[in-house]
C-alpha atoms as a PDB file:
ATOM      1  CA  MET A   1      39.772  -4.450 -27.840  1.00  0.00           C
ATOM      2  CA  LYS A   2      38.115  -1.025 -27.622  1.00  0.00           C
ATOM      3  CA  LYS A   3      34.849  -2.491 -28.941  1.00  0.00           C
ATOM      4  CA  THR A   4      34.952  -5.256 -26.321  1.00  0.00           C
ATOM      5  CA  ALA A   5      35.596  -2.780 -23.489  1.00  0.00           C
ATOM      6  CA  PHE A   6      32.785  -0.536 -24.741  1.00  0.00           C
ATOM      7  CA  ALA A   7      30.380  -3.491 -24.989  1.00  0.00           C
ATOM      8  CA  LEU A   8      31.278  -4.610 -21.469  1.00  0.00           C
ATOM      9  CA  ALA A   9      30.763  -1.081 -20.107  1.00  0.00           C
ATOM     10  CA  LEU A  10      27.388  -0.912 -21.857  1.00  0.00           C
ATOM     11  CA  VAL A  11      26.277  -4.233 -20.337  1.00  0.00           C
ATOM     12  CA  VAL A  12      27.327  -3.130 -16.831  1.00  0.00           C
ATOM     13  CA  ALA A  13      25.595   0.255 -17.188  1.00  0.00           C
ATOM     14  CA  THR A  14      22.394  -1.412 -18.390  1.00  0.00           C
ATOM     15  CA  ALA A  15      22.423  -3.893 -15.507  1.00  0.00           C
ATOM     16  CA  LEU A  16      22.948  -1.164 -12.927  1.00  0.00           C
ATOM     17  CA  SER A  17      20.245   1.092 -14.348  1.00  0.00           C
ATOM     18  CA  SER A  18      17.698  -1.745 -14.449  1.00  0.00           C
ATOM     19  CA  GLN A  19      18.273  -2.354 -10.719  1.00  0.00           C
ATOM     20  CA  ALA A  20      17.684   1.315 -10.000  1.00  0.00           C
ATOM     21  CA  PHE A  21      14.417   1.300 -11.929  1.00  0.00           C
ATOM     22  CA  ALA A  22      13.296  -1.887 -10.185  1.00  0.00           C
ATOM     23  CA  SER A  23      13.467  -0.241  -6.775  1.00  0.00           C
ATOM     24  CA  GLY A  24      12.374   3.257  -7.669  1.00  0.00           C
ATOM     25  CA  SER A  25       8.641   3.222  -8.200  1.00  0.00           C
ATOM     26  CA  HIS A  26       5.605   1.059  -7.836  1.00  0.00           C
ATOM     27  CA  ALA A  27       3.435   3.057 -10.212  1.00  0.00           C
ATOM     28  CA  GLY A  28       0.752   1.446 -12.277  1.00  0.00           C
ATOM     29  CA  GLY A  29       0.751  -1.889 -10.509  1.00  0.00           C
ATOM     30  CA  HIS A  30      -2.774  -2.044  -9.157  1.00  0.00           C
ATOM     31  CA  ASN A  31      -5.418  -0.049 -11.001  1.00  0.00           C
ATOM     32  CA  LYS A  32      -7.807  -2.976 -10.586  1.00  0.00           C
ATOM     33  CA  VAL A  33      -7.122  -5.497  -7.854  1.00  0.00           C
ATOM     34  CA  SER A  34      -9.063  -8.462  -6.513  1.00  0.00           C
ATOM     35  CA  ILE A  35     -10.942  -6.346  -3.976  1.00  0.00           C
ATOM     36  CA  GLY A  36     -12.121  -3.748  -6.440  1.00  0.00           C
ATOM     37  CA  GLU A  37     -11.124  -0.594  -8.204  1.00  0.00           C
ATOM     38  CA  PRO A  38     -10.534   3.118  -7.605  1.00  0.00           C
ATOM     39  CA  GLY A  39     -13.759   4.815  -6.563  1.00  0.00           C
ATOM     40  CA  ASP A  40     -15.407   8.037  -7.670  1.00  0.00           C
ATOM     41  CA  SER A  41     -15.372  10.523  -4.771  1.00  0.00           C
ATOM     42  CA  LYS A  42     -18.875  11.691  -5.732  1.00  0.00           C
ATOM     43  CA  LYS A  43     -20.242   8.155  -5.302  1.00  0.00           C
ATOM     44  CA  ALA A  44     -18.828   7.505  -1.813  1.00  0.00           C
ATOM     45  CA  THR A  45     -21.585   6.333   0.535  1.00  0.00           C
ATOM     46  CA  GLN A  46     -19.447   5.998   3.658  1.00  0.00           C
ATOM     47  CA  THR A  47     -16.386   7.649   5.172  1.00  0.00           C
ATOM     48  CA  ILE A  48     -14.098   5.548   7.333  1.00  0.00           C
ATOM     49  CA  ARG A  49     -11.590   7.562   9.348  1.00  0.00           C
ATOM     50  CA  VAL A  50      -8.353   5.623   9.758  1.00  0.00           C
ATOM     51  CA  THR A  51      -5.589   6.628  12.180  1.00  0.00           C
ATOM     52  CA  MET A  52      -2.077   5.172  11.976  1.00  0.00           C
ATOM     53  CA  LYS A  53       0.322   5.403  14.915  1.00  0.00           C
ATOM     54  CA  GLU A  54       2.820   3.752  17.219  1.00  0.00           C
ATOM     55  CA  THR A  55       1.993   2.799  20.810  1.00  0.00           C
ATOM     56  CA  ASP A  56       4.068   3.253  23.965  1.00  0.00           C
ATOM     57  CA  ASP A  57       4.690  -0.510  24.141  1.00  0.00           C
ATOM     58  CA  GLY A  58       6.294  -0.579  20.671  1.00  0.00           C
ATOM     59  CA  ARG A  59       3.349  -1.821  18.658  1.00  0.00           C
ATOM     60  CA  MET A  60       2.085  -0.093  15.536  1.00  0.00           C
ATOM     61  CA  ILE A  61      -1.653   0.102  15.000  1.00  0.00           C
ATOM     62  CA  PHE A  62      -4.539   1.183  12.848  1.00  0.00           C
ATOM     63  CA  THR A  63      -7.727   2.538  14.349  1.00  0.00           C
ATOM     64  CA  PRO A  64     -10.130   0.975  13.570  1.00  0.00           C
ATOM     65  CA  ALA A  65      -8.430  -2.418  13.838  1.00  0.00           C
ATOM     66  CA  THR A  66     -10.989  -4.087  11.556  1.00  0.00           C
ATOM     67  CA  ILE A  67     -13.031  -2.784   8.637  1.00  0.00           C
ATOM     68  CA  LYS A  68     -16.329  -4.104   7.262  1.00  0.00           C
ATOM     69  CA  VAL A  69     -17.958  -2.789   4.064  1.00  0.00           C
ATOM     70  CA  ARG A  70     -20.550  -3.941   1.512  1.00  0.00           C
ATOM     71  CA  GLN A  71     -19.825  -5.290  -1.946  1.00  0.00           C
ATOM     72  CA  ASP A  72     -20.271  -2.621  -4.658  1.00  0.00           C
ATOM     73  CA  GLN A  73     -19.989   0.124  -2.030  1.00  0.00           C
ATOM     74  CA  THR A  74     -17.716   3.108  -2.671  1.00  0.00           C
ATOM     75  CA  VAL A  75     -15.882   4.115   0.498  1.00  0.00           C
ATOM     76  CA  HIS A  76     -13.906   7.238   1.320  1.00  0.00           C
ATOM     77  CA  PHE A  77     -10.960   6.371   3.567  1.00  0.00           C
ATOM     78  CA  ALA A  78      -9.843   9.547   5.381  1.00  0.00           C
ATOM     79  CA  ILE A  79      -6.403   8.539   6.633  1.00  0.00           C
ATOM     80  CA  LYS A  80      -4.313  10.358   9.255  1.00  0.00           C
ATOM     81  CA  ASN A  81      -0.784   9.535  10.356  1.00  0.00           C
ATOM     82  CA  ALA A  82      -0.850  10.428  14.057  1.00  0.00           C
ATOM     83  CA  GLY A  83       2.473   8.698  14.667  1.00  0.00           C
ATOM     84  CA  GLU A  84       6.094   9.777  14.715  1.00  0.00           C
ATOM     85  CA  LEU A  85       7.146   7.590  11.755  1.00  0.00           C
ATOM     86  CA  ALA A  86       6.040   7.352   8.125  1.00  0.00           C
ATOM     87  CA  HIS A  87       3.241   4.798   7.634  1.00  0.00           C
ATOM     88  CA  GLU A  88       1.293   3.284   4.754  1.00  0.00           C
ATOM     89  CA  PHE A  89      -2.295   2.219   4.266  1.00  0.00           C
ATOM     90  CA  VAL A  90      -2.586  -0.491   1.603  1.00  0.00           C
ATOM     91  CA  LEU A  91      -5.769  -2.376   0.623  1.00  0.00           C
ATOM     92  CA  ASP A  92      -5.426  -5.760  -1.118  1.00  0.00           C
ATOM     93  CA  ASP A  93      -5.867  -9.515  -0.837  1.00  0.00           C
ATOM     94  CA  LYS A  94      -3.733 -11.315   1.746  1.00  0.00           C
ATOM     95  CA  ALA A  95      -1.428 -13.012  -0.780  1.00  0.00           C
ATOM     96  CA  THR A  96      -0.649  -9.761  -2.582  1.00  0.00           C
ATOM     97  CA  ILE A  97      -0.073  -7.969   0.732  1.00  0.00           C
ATOM     98  CA  GLN A  98       2.502 -10.640   1.654  1.00  0.00           C
ATOM     99  CA  GLU A  99       4.212 -10.392  -1.766  1.00  0.00           C
ATOM    100  CA  HIS A 100       4.337  -6.602  -1.467  1.00  0.00           C
ATOM    101  CA  LYS A 101       5.688  -6.891   2.095  1.00  0.00           C
ATOM    102  CA  ILE A 102       8.634  -8.958   0.815  1.00  0.00           C
ATOM    103  CA  THR A 103       9.275  -6.465  -1.989  1.00  0.00           C
ATOM    104  CA  MET A 104       9.208  -3.561   0.477  1.00  0.00           C
ATOM    105  CA  GLU A 105      11.753  -5.337   2.684  1.00  0.00           C
ATOM    106  CA  LYS A 106      14.092  -5.477  -0.320  1.00  0.00           C
ATOM    107  CA  PHE A 107      13.340  -1.920  -1.517  1.00  0.00           C
ATOM    108  CA  PRO A 108      12.218   0.107   1.553  1.00  0.00           C
ATOM    109  CA  ASP A 109      12.358   3.449  -0.266  1.00  0.00           C
ATOM    110  CA  MET A 110       9.996   2.325  -3.020  1.00  0.00           C
ATOM    111  CA  GLU A 111       7.524   5.061  -3.889  1.00  0.00           C
ATOM    112  CA  HIS A 112       3.850   4.207  -4.335  1.00  0.00           C
ATOM    113  CA  ASP A 113       1.571   5.572  -6.977  1.00  0.00           C
ATOM    114  CA  ASP A 114      -1.258   3.088  -6.631  1.00  0.00           C
ATOM    115  CA  PRO A 115      -4.889   4.017  -6.013  1.00  0.00           C
ATOM    116  CA  ASN A 116      -5.195   1.340  -3.294  1.00  0.00           C
ATOM    117  CA  ALA A 117      -2.211   2.607  -1.268  1.00  0.00           C
ATOM    118  CA  ILE A 118      -0.971   5.765   0.377  1.00  0.00           C
ATOM    119  CA  ARG A 119       2.206   6.579   2.312  1.00  0.00           C
ATOM    120  CA  LEU A 120       2.007   9.444   4.794  1.00  0.00           C
ATOM    121  CA  GLU A 121       4.689  11.240   6.749  1.00  0.00           C
ATOM    122  CA  PRO A 122       4.029  12.010  10.448  1.00  0.00           C
ATOM    123  CA  GLY A 123       1.164  14.455  10.958  1.00  0.00           C
ATOM    124  CA  LYS A 124      -0.032  14.209   7.350  1.00  0.00           C
ATOM    125  CA  SER A 125      -3.440  13.134   6.063  1.00  0.00           C
ATOM    126  CA  GLY A 126      -4.650  11.679   2.799  1.00  0.00           C
ATOM    127  CA  ASP A 127      -7.599  10.025   1.106  1.00  0.00           C
ATOM    128  CA  ILE A 128      -8.397   6.863  -0.807  1.00  0.00           C
ATOM    129  CA  TYR A 129     -11.709   6.347  -2.598  1.00  0.00           C
ATOM    130  CA  TRP A 130     -12.376   2.690  -3.294  1.00  0.00           C
ATOM    131  CA  THR A 131     -15.215   0.634  -4.801  1.00  0.00           C
ATOM    132  CA  PHE A 132     -15.330  -2.923  -3.466  1.00  0.00           C
ATOM    133  CA  THR A 133     -16.464  -5.049  -6.423  1.00  0.00           C
ATOM    134  CA  ASN A 134     -15.817  -8.485  -4.883  1.00  0.00           C
ATOM    135  CA  ASP A 135     -16.906  -9.975  -1.581  1.00  0.00           C
ATOM    136  CA  GLY A 136     -14.571 -11.825   0.776  1.00  0.00           C
ATOM    137  CA  THR A 137     -11.999 -11.260   3.487  1.00  0.00           C
ATOM    138  CA  PHE A 138      -9.100  -9.072   2.442  1.00  0.00           C
ATOM    139  CA  GLU A 139      -6.521  -7.060   4.351  1.00  0.00           C
ATOM    140  CA  PHE A 140      -5.263  -3.558   5.016  1.00  0.00           C
ATOM    141  CA  ALA A 141      -1.675  -3.087   6.111  1.00  0.00           C
ATOM    142  CA  CYS A 142       1.346  -0.866   6.518  1.00  0.00           C
ATOM    143  CA  LEU A 143       4.182  -2.336   4.476  1.00  0.00           C
ATOM    144  CA  VAL A 144       7.007  -0.093   5.654  1.00  0.00           C
ATOM    145  CA  PRO A 145       9.593  -2.712   6.721  1.00  0.00           C
ATOM    146  CA  GLY A 146       8.927  -3.916  10.284  1.00  0.00           C
ATOM    147  CA  HIS A 147       5.545  -2.227  10.667  1.00  0.00           C
ATOM    148  CA  TYR A 148       3.410  -5.210   9.576  1.00  0.00           C
ATOM    149  CA  ASP A 149       5.271  -7.450  12.026  1.00  0.00           C
ATOM    150  CA  ALA A 150       4.724  -4.841  14.771  1.00  0.00           C
ATOM    151  CA  GLY A 151       0.960  -5.329  14.356  1.00  0.00           C
ATOM    152  CA  MET A 152       0.077  -2.857  11.636  1.00  0.00           C
ATOM    153  CA  HIS A 153      -2.473  -4.856   9.642  1.00  0.00           C
ATOM    154  CA  GLY A 154      -6.084  -5.895   9.931  1.00  0.00           C
ATOM    155  CA  PRO A 155      -8.926  -7.748   8.244  1.00  0.00           C
ATOM    156  CA  LEU A 156     -11.111  -6.025   5.686  1.00  0.00           C
ATOM    157  CA  ASP A 157     -14.411  -7.875   5.272  1.00  0.00           C
ATOM    158  CA  VAL A 158     -16.464  -7.175   2.166  1.00  0.00           C
ATOM    159  CA  VAL A 159     -19.948  -8.656   2.585  1.00  0.00           C
ATOM    160  CA  LYS A 160     -22.438  -9.340  -0.187  1.00  0.00           C
ATOM    161  CA  LYS A 161     -25.221  -6.821  -0.557  1.00  0.00           C
END
């Protein structure tokens, strides 16, 4: 009987701890994604200044609203959260953005440690260096629950050289 109770307790503890790990971190998920790979800061040929904020009418926006870069270009994204809420800047293909959006709705406190994403508290700034190895239309977005639906996403066009 004691062995059965111990085994049951062990199964429950394992199940609970696996749920905690599932929601805790998003590290290591995207070192190379369909739009490219982390860039070398010394090779950046362009800086794009991105501002994230809320508007008086309840929308949430990025400035600029669209981004266009060249394939094989390394870009420095200088990102500033000028809003009153935490925001994210995530670069990826549209399908992966949508998958990540659903995951974030389930686990809103998930921490990011991906080179193609940054989460910033109000008033904070950060940087992403990215090399765009593939051409096509991709997306940038804020995946804090509710922010994407409030307008916080835009097209990222990577054109062939």
